[in-house]
């Protein structure tokens, strides 16, 4: 039942009302190839990285985003929701299994992020880019916390929207005890540096939501211990 509960929460996040009243006419974008999220960590032996390119996310933007001078829009981006399957993280070697266990991947199979609000950083906006001082909610291992990030957003000449940021978090803030190995001789640091690049293009909302609904239906029809169907690879 816990797997179903987390999956339902993920669906709620993806279908949630976007950031502002502009959402009624917002244009929804879907992830494009080149999107990636990485966790960088440290240990008493060496550093490590866990990476995934598998995620489900939507970025809602002002209808004028594709053509307007971005410095003239109060909130070019209207809403962001991201759901990441924990088991899609690739860390390499034995560390991968240990990190999945540390992040309680079986009990809490998704990392979920939702943008709450943001302000344009003073003087950062140009015709095709801006820096956003964001406030959002991040859920890891079933624990939800506020998270503030400075996000660099750009619109390419091909219309592709790119958002990139890096932010350090502490595992202990999410109720996670940093793991130790080899009788305590190898200790993983409490801090993880989260780095992401999201690339998005306009997409048919009906198609995207139908794909998500299909995966939810498949999980709901199976016992809770059955592995969650894989998210699409972008």
Protein backbone atom coordinates (compact mmCIF):
# COMPACT_ATOMS: atom_id res chain seq x y z
CA UNK A 1 0.00 0.00 0.00
CA UNK A 2 2.86 2.41 0.69
CA UNK A 3 4.10 2.11 -2.90
CA UNK A 4 0.61 2.96 -4.16
CA UNK A 5 0.41 5.92 -1.77
CA UNK A 6 3.72 7.40 -2.94
CA UNK A 7 2.76 6.87 -6.57
CA UNK A 8 -0.57 8.61 -6.00
CA UNK A 9 1.27 11.52 -4.40
CA UNK A 10 3.55 11.70 -7.43
CA UNK A 11 0.55 11.83 -9.74
CA UNK A 12 -1.02 14.56 -7.63
CA UNK A 13 2.16 16.62 -7.92
CA UNK A 14 2.21 16.26 -11.69
CA UNK A 15 -1.45 17.22 -12.05
CA UNK A 16 -1.36 20.02 -9.48
CA UNK A 17 -2.41 23.59 -10.23
CA UNK A 18 0.57 25.60 -11.51
CA UNK A 19 2.14 28.60 -9.81
CA UNK A 20 -0.10 31.55 -10.67
CA UNK A 21 -3.44 32.62 -12.06
CA UNK A 22 -1.80 32.66 -15.50
CA UNK A 23 -2.05 28.85 -15.46
CA UNK A 24 -5.45 28.86 -17.17
CA UNK A 25 -3.76 29.79 -20.45
CA UNK A 26 -0.29 28.43 -19.74
CA UNK A 27 1.55 26.32 -22.31
CA UNK A 28 2.76 22.98 -21.00
CA UNK A 29 6.18 21.73 -22.01
CA UNK A 30 7.49 18.18 -21.80
CA UNK A 31 11.04 17.02 -21.13
CA UNK A 32 13.35 16.71 -24.09
CA UNK A 33 16.58 14.69 -24.56
CA UNK A 34 19.47 16.15 -22.61
CA UNK A 35 17.63 16.40 -19.29
CA UNK A 36 19.65 15.00 -16.39
CA UNK A 37 19.87 15.00 -12.61
CA UNK A 38 23.00 14.18 -10.56
CA UNK A 39 23.72 13.69 -6.85
CA UNK A 40 27.38 14.30 -5.98
CA UNK A 41 28.59 13.07 -2.60
CA UNK A 42 31.74 12.47 -0.60
CA UNK A 43 33.13 9.70 1.55
CA UNK A 44 36.23 9.04 3.62
CA UNK A 45 37.62 7.12 0.61
CA UNK A 46 36.56 9.10 -2.48
CA UNK A 47 33.78 11.14 -4.01
CA UNK A 48 30.90 9.62 -5.95
CA UNK A 49 28.09 10.60 -8.32
CA UNK A 50 24.64 9.13 -8.95
CA UNK A 51 22.95 10.17 -12.19
CA UNK A 52 19.62 9.68 -13.94
CA UNK A 53 18.13 10.81 -17.21
CA UNK A 54 14.82 9.11 -16.41
CA UNK A 55 12.22 11.43 -14.97
CA UNK A 56 8.69 12.62 -15.57
CA UNK A 57 8.27 16.38 -15.50
CA UNK A 58 6.18 19.20 -16.83
CA UNK A 59 7.06 22.86 -17.12
CA UNK A 60 4.17 25.30 -17.60
CA UNK A 61 5.12 28.63 -19.17
CA UNK A 62 3.47 31.92 -20.03
CA UNK A 63 1.83 31.67 -23.50
CA UNK A 64 4.18 34.41 -24.72
CA UNK A 65 7.29 32.55 -23.55
CA UNK A 66 8.25 31.24 -26.98
CA UNK A 67 8.43 34.67 -28.67
CA UNK A 68 8.35 37.50 -26.10
CA UNK A 69 11.28 39.37 -24.60
CA UNK A 70 11.52 37.46 -21.31
CA UNK A 71 12.44 40.60 -19.40
CA UNK A 72 8.90 41.90 -20.07
CA UNK A 73 7.16 38.92 -18.40
CA UNK A 74 6.56 38.93 -14.64
CA UNK A 75 6.66 35.11 -14.40
CA UNK A 76 7.80 33.49 -17.66
CA UNK A 77 7.62 30.07 -15.99
CA UNK A 78 4.25 29.37 -14.38
CA UNK A 79 4.75 25.95 -12.79
CA UNK A 80 7.20 23.05 -12.48
CA UNK A 81 6.64 19.52 -11.22
CA UNK A 82 9.24 16.73 -11.37
CA UNK A 83 9.04 13.05 -10.37
CA UNK A 84 12.21 10.93 -10.37
CA UNK A 85 12.28 7.14 -9.84
CA UNK A 86 14.95 6.49 -7.20
CA UNK A 87 15.86 3.15 -8.79
CA UNK A 88 16.77 4.93 -12.03
CA UNK A 89 19.82 6.47 -10.31
CA UNK A 90 23.06 5.01 -11.60
CA UNK A 91 25.96 5.21 -9.12
CA UNK A 92 28.19 2.39 -10.34
CA UNK A 93 29.48 -0.71 -8.53
CA UNK A 94 28.42 -1.75 -5.03
CA UNK A 95 27.73 1.85 -4.08
CA UNK A 96 24.60 1.85 -6.24
CA UNK A 97 22.84 -0.83 -4.22
CA UNK A 98 23.95 0.75 -0.96
CA UNK A 99 22.67 4.19 -1.97
CA UNK A 100 19.31 2.80 -3.09
CA UNK A 101 18.99 1.11 0.29
CA UNK A 102 20.01 4.32 2.07
CA UNK A 103 17.37 6.29 0.15
CA UNK A 104 14.71 3.67 1.03
CA UNK A 105 14.00 3.11 -2.67
CA UNK A 106 11.73 0.11 -2.08
CA UNK A 107 9.49 1.92 0.40
CA UNK A 108 9.69 5.39 -1.17
CA UNK A 109 10.35 4.86 -4.89
CA UNK A 110 10.12 8.49 -5.99
CA UNK A 111 11.87 11.79 -5.42
CA UNK A 112 9.31 14.55 -5.99
CA UNK A 113 9.89 18.27 -6.52
CA UNK A 114 7.30 21.00 -6.96
CA UNK A 115 7.98 24.69 -7.52
CA UNK A 116 6.04 26.87 -5.05
CA UNK A 117 7.01 30.40 -6.03
CA UNK A 118 9.90 32.47 -7.34
CA UNK A 119 11.15 35.98 -8.02
CA UNK A 120 13.23 37.14 -10.93
CA UNK A 121 16.71 38.01 -9.67
CA UNK A 122 17.24 41.76 -10.05
CA UNK A 123 18.93 42.70 -13.31
CA UNK A 124 19.19 39.08 -14.48
CA UNK A 125 16.53 39.08 -17.20
CA UNK A 126 17.35 39.48 -20.88
CA UNK A 127 15.40 38.77 -24.04
CA UNK A 128 16.10 35.05 -23.84
CA UNK A 129 17.20 34.27 -20.27
CA UNK A 130 16.73 35.04 -16.59
CA UNK A 131 17.74 33.84 -13.13
CA UNK A 132 14.97 32.79 -10.76
CA UNK A 133 15.27 32.76 -6.96
CA UNK A 134 12.93 29.81 -6.35
CA UNK A 135 11.15 28.30 -3.38
CA UNK A 136 9.87 24.76 -3.69
CA UNK A 137 9.08 21.51 -1.91
CA UNK A 138 11.37 18.48 -2.23
CA UNK A 139 10.39 15.00 -1.05
CA UNK A 140 13.05 12.33 -0.53
CA UNK A 141 12.52 9.06 1.32
CA UNK A 142 8.99 10.14 2.22
CA UNK A 143 10.13 13.37 3.96
CA UNK A 144 9.11 16.71 2.44
CA UNK A 145 11.17 19.86 3.01
CA UNK A 146 11.32 23.40 1.69
CA UNK A 147 14.18 24.03 -0.71
CA UNK A 148 15.50 27.31 -2.12
CA UNK A 149 17.45 27.31 -5.38
CA UNK A 150 18.82 29.82 -7.85
CA UNK A 151 17.78 28.54 -11.28
CA UNK A 152 19.21 29.72 -14.61
CA UNK A 153 16.57 29.62 -17.35
CA UNK A 154 17.15 30.17 -21.05
CA UNK A 155 15.20 29.93 -24.31
CA UNK A 156 17.24 28.64 -27.23
CA UNK A 157 16.83 29.74 -30.85
CA UNK A 158 15.12 26.39 -31.50
CA UNK A 159 12.52 27.13 -28.80
CA UNK A 160 13.93 24.61 -26.33
CA UNK A 161 13.62 25.81 -22.74
CA UNK A 162 16.56 24.97 -20.45
CA UNK A 163 16.60 25.27 -16.65
CA UNK A 164 19.75 24.46 -14.68
CA UNK A 165 20.72 24.68 -11.02
CA UNK A 166 22.92 23.19 -8.29
CA UNK A 167 22.01 23.03 -4.62
CA UNK A 168 23.53 21.27 -1.60
CA UNK A 169 21.18 19.31 0.69
CA UNK A 170 21.75 17.23 3.82
CA UNK A 171 20.57 13.64 4.01
CA UNK A 172 19.80 14.11 7.71
CA UNK A 173 17.24 16.81 6.83
CA UNK A 174 15.23 14.07 5.14
CA UNK A 175 15.53 11.59 7.99
CA UNK A 176 18.30 9.65 6.24
CA UNK A 177 21.34 8.45 8.16
CA UNK A 178 24.50 8.69 6.02
CA UNK A 179 25.66 5.10 5.47
CA UNK A 180 28.87 3.49 6.68
CA UNK A 181 30.59 0.44 5.23
CA UNK A 182 33.35 -2.02 6.10
CA UNK A 183 32.72 -1.91 9.85
CA UNK A 184 32.63 1.87 9.85
CA UNK A 185 35.95 2.40 8.08
CA UNK A 186 34.17 3.96 5.08
CA UNK A 187 31.76 6.77 5.87
CA UNK A 188 29.60 8.70 3.43
CA UNK A 189 29.29 12.45 4.03
CA UNK A 190 25.97 13.95 5.08
CA UNK A 191 25.87 16.49 2.25
CA UNK A 192 24.78 15.79 -1.33
CA UNK A 193 25.10 18.33 -4.11
CA UNK A 194 22.06 18.12 -6.38
CA UNK A 195 22.64 19.29 -9.94
CA UNK A 196 20.07 19.23 -12.69
CA UNK A 197 19.50 20.34 -16.25
CA UNK A 198 15.95 20.24 -17.59
CA UNK A 199 15.30 20.72 -21.28
CA UNK A 200 11.71 21.03 -22.44
CA UNK A 201 9.67 21.54 -25.60
CA UNK A 202 5.94 22.01 -26.25
CA UNK A 203 4.06 18.73 -26.02
CA UNK A 204 0.52 17.47 -26.29
CA UNK A 205 -0.89 17.49 -22.77
CA UNK A 206 -3.43 14.76 -23.49
CA UNK A 207 -0.74 12.36 -24.71
CA UNK A 208 1.61 13.03 -21.80
CA UNK A 209 -1.09 12.66 -19.16
CA UNK A 210 -2.48 9.53 -20.84
CA UNK A 211 0.95 7.87 -20.57
CA UNK A 212 1.13 8.69 -16.86
CA UNK A 213 -2.44 7.48 -16.26
CA UNK A 214 -1.63 4.19 -17.98
CA UNK A 215 1.38 3.58 -15.71
CA UNK A 216 -0.68 4.43 -12.61
CA UNK A 217 -3.40 2.00 -13.69
CA UNK A 218 -0.82 -0.76 -14.19
CA UNK A 219 0.52 -0.28 -10.66
CA UNK A 220 -2.93 -0.05 -9.10
CA UNK A 221 -3.84 -3.39 -10.68
CA UNK A 222 -0.85 -5.21 -9.17
CA UNK A 223 0.11 -6.16 -5.58
CA UNK A 224 1.92 -3.39 -3.72
CA UNK A 225 5.19 -5.34 -3.63
CA UNK A 226 5.34 -5.59 -7.40
CA UNK A 227 8.00 -3.40 -8.98
CA UNK A 228 6.73 -0.09 -10.37
CA UNK A 229 6.70 0.00 -14.20
CA UNK A 230 9.69 1.84 -15.57
CA UNK A 231 9.34 5.52 -16.40
CA UNK A 232 9.90 6.48 -20.05
CA UNK A 233 13.46 7.31 -21.09
CA UNK A 234 13.83 10.83 -22.42
